[in-house]
C-alpha atoms as a PDB file:
ATOM      1  CA  UNK A   1     226.837 -47.198 120.426  1.00  0.00           C
ATOM      2  CA  UNK A   2     230.594 -47.523 120.681  1.00  0.00           C
ATOM      3  CA  UNK A   3     232.096 -44.008 120.944  1.00  0.00           C
ATOM      4  CA  UNK A   4     234.538 -44.586 118.075  1.00  0.00           C
ATOM      5  CA  UNK A   5     231.676 -45.314 115.678  1.00  0.00           C
ATOM      6  CA  UNK A   6     229.691 -42.138 116.322  1.00  0.00           C
ATOM      7  CA  UNK A   7     229.347 -40.044 113.154  1.00  0.00           C
ATOM      8  CA  UNK A   8     230.998 -36.641 113.659  1.00  0.00           C
ATOM      9  CA  UNK A   9     230.696 -35.167 110.132  1.00  0.00           C
ATOM     10  CA  UNK A  10     230.032 -35.922 106.471  1.00  0.00           C
ATOM     11  CA  UNK A  11     230.932 -34.251 103.196  1.00  0.00           C
ATOM     12  CA  UNK A  12     229.728 -34.649  99.623  1.00  0.00           C
ATOM     13  CA  UNK A  13     232.307 -34.823  96.810  1.00  0.00           C
ATOM     14  CA  UNK A  14     232.651 -32.017  94.283  1.00  0.00           C
ATOM     15  CA  UNK A  15     230.862 -34.073  91.622  1.00  0.00           C
ATOM     16  CA  UNK A  16     227.977 -34.739  94.043  1.00  0.00           C
ATOM     17  CA  UNK A  17     228.168 -38.525  93.696  1.00  0.00           C
ATOM     18  CA  UNK A  18     230.040 -39.672  96.802  1.00  0.00           C
ATOM     19  CA  UNK A  19     229.521 -38.886 100.469  1.00  0.00           C
ATOM     20  CA  UNK A  20     232.369 -39.398 102.947  1.00  0.00           C
ATOM     21  CA  UNK A  21     231.082 -40.093 106.467  1.00  0.00           C
ATOM     22  CA  UNK A  22     233.529 -39.628 109.312  1.00  0.00           C
ATOM     23  CA  UNK A  23     233.573 -41.205 112.755  1.00  0.00           C
ATOM     24  CA  UNK A  24     236.333 -40.887 115.370  1.00  0.00           C
ATOM     25  CA  UNK A  25     238.004 -44.011 113.921  1.00  0.00           C
ATOM     26  CA  UNK A  26     237.171 -44.342 110.235  1.00  0.00           C
ATOM     27  CA  UNK A  27     235.834 -42.851 107.040  1.00  0.00           C
ATOM     28  CA  UNK A  28     233.158 -44.715 105.091  1.00  0.00           C
ATOM     29  CA  UNK A  29     232.056 -43.897 101.553  1.00  0.00           C
ATOM     30  CA  UNK A  30     228.553 -43.902 100.130  1.00  0.00           C
ATOM     31  CA  UNK A  31     227.196 -43.309  96.628  1.00  0.00           C
ATOM     32  CA  UNK A  32     224.336 -40.831  96.366  1.00  0.00           C
ATOM     33  CA  UNK A  33     221.616 -41.699  93.848  1.00  0.00           C
ATOM     34  CA  UNK A  34     219.265 -39.246  92.102  1.00  0.00           C
ATOM     35  CA  UNK A  35     216.732 -39.591  94.939  1.00  0.00           C
ATOM     36  CA  UNK A  36     219.404 -38.621  97.475  1.00  0.00           C
ATOM     37  CA  UNK A  37     219.618 -42.113  99.014  1.00  0.00           C
ATOM     38  CA  UNK A  38     223.030 -43.356 100.136  1.00  0.00           C
ATOM     39  CA  UNK A  39     224.475 -46.808  99.392  1.00  0.00           C
ATOM     40  CA  UNK A  40     227.920 -48.210 100.380  1.00  0.00           C
ATOM     41  CA  UNK A  41     230.594 -47.974  97.667  1.00  0.00           C
ATOM     42  CA  UNK A  42     232.309 -51.412  97.400  1.00  0.00           C
ATOM     43  CA  UNK A  43     235.347 -50.065  95.534  1.00  0.00           C
ATOM     44  CA  UNK A  44     236.029 -47.552  98.337  1.00  0.00           C
ATOM     45  CA  UNK A  45     237.192 -49.514 101.381  1.00  0.00           C
ATOM     46  CA  UNK A  46     236.802 -48.150 104.892  1.00  0.00           C
ATOM     47  CA  UNK A  47     239.629 -45.684 105.542  1.00  0.00           C
ATOM     48  CA  UNK A  48     241.131 -46.280 109.009  1.00  0.00           C
ATOM     49  CA  UNK A  49     241.965 -43.043 110.851  1.00  0.00           C
ATOM     50  CA  UNK A  50     242.067 -44.472 114.401  1.00  0.00           C
ATOM     51  CA  UNK A  51     244.664 -42.704 116.538  1.00  0.00           C
ATOM     52  CA  UNK A  52     245.272 -39.864 114.074  1.00  0.00           C
ATOM     53  CA  UNK A  53     243.449 -37.310 116.210  1.00  0.00           C
ATOM     54  CA  UNK A  54     242.143 -37.732 119.755  1.00  0.00           C
ATOM     55  CA  UNK A  55     238.993 -35.628 119.120  1.00  0.00           C
ATOM     56  CA  UNK A  56     238.577 -35.676 115.319  1.00  0.00           C
ATOM     57  CA  UNK A  57     235.431 -33.947 114.166  1.00  0.00           C
ATOM     58  CA  UNK A  58     235.356 -32.388 110.676  1.00  0.00           C
ATOM     59  CA  UNK A  59     235.854 -33.707 107.153  1.00  0.00           C
ATOM     60  CA  UNK A  60     235.913 -32.227 103.652  1.00  0.00           C
ATOM     61  CA  UNK A  61     237.165 -33.279 100.238  1.00  0.00           C
ATOM     62  CA  UNK A  62     240.625 -32.061  99.151  1.00  0.00           C
ATOM     63  CA  UNK A  63     240.554 -34.023  95.889  1.00  0.00           C
ATOM     64  CA  UNK A  64     239.079 -37.320  94.637  1.00  0.00           C
ATOM     65  CA  UNK A  65     241.282 -39.479  96.910  1.00  0.00           C
ATOM     66  CA  UNK A  66     242.289 -37.090  99.697  1.00  0.00           C
ATOM     67  CA  UNK A  67     240.224 -35.755 102.559  1.00  0.00           C
ATOM     68  CA  UNK A  68     240.936 -32.876 104.938  1.00  0.00           C
ATOM     69  CA  UNK A  69     240.294 -33.656 108.611  1.00  0.00           C
ATOM     70  CA  UNK A  70     240.007 -31.178 111.475  1.00  0.00           C
ATOM     71  CA  UNK A  71     239.778 -31.601 115.231  1.00  0.00           C
ATOM     72  CA  UNK A  72     237.897 -29.893 117.995  1.00  0.00           C
ATOM     73  CA  UNK A  73     240.745 -30.377 120.464  1.00  0.00           C
ATOM     74  CA  UNK A  74     243.767 -32.541 121.029  1.00  0.00           C
ATOM     75  CA  UNK A  75     247.537 -32.684 120.874  1.00  0.00           C
ATOM     76  CA  UNK A  76     247.870 -30.278 117.949  1.00  0.00           C
ATOM     77  CA  UNK A  77     247.231 -26.512 117.829  1.00  0.00           C
ATOM     78  CA  UNK A  78     243.732 -25.326 116.936  1.00  0.00           C
ATOM     79  CA  UNK A  79     243.291 -25.064 113.187  1.00  0.00           C
ATOM     80  CA  UNK A  80     245.538 -28.041 112.342  1.00  0.00           C
ATOM     81  CA  UNK A  81     244.364 -29.796 109.180  1.00  0.00           C
ATOM     82  CA  UNK A  82     245.317 -33.395 108.428  1.00  0.00           C
ATOM     83  CA  UNK A  83     245.263 -34.652 104.842  1.00  0.00           C
ATOM     84  CA  UNK A  84     244.404 -38.356 104.518  1.00  0.00           C
ATOM     85  CA  UNK A  85     244.520 -40.349 101.286  1.00  0.00           C
ATOM     86  CA  UNK A  86     241.724 -42.848 100.898  1.00  0.00           C
ATOM     87  CA  UNK A  87     242.338 -44.332  97.442  1.00  0.00           C
ATOM     88  CA  UNK A  88     239.795 -46.054  95.258  1.00  0.00           C
ATOM     89  CA  UNK A  89     240.485 -49.780  94.662  1.00  0.00           C
END
């Protein structure tokens, strides 16, 4: 597996319908059905975050189009939170 495509974290939206899955380079979105199965969301394109953080790890929802990202280590002080907008088409 290419290092940049390794899943580092995931977070479910406040309404419980969408899961954001983070790798070192991108965020992908999946719909969660009533059985808990995940399926890609076509109207939510892949959100490119390559180069934003050298060791990006965590993700959580800030609002419906914005995600909070945190890093394990890197160029920024510990505890730095990046907000990234990943709009719906």
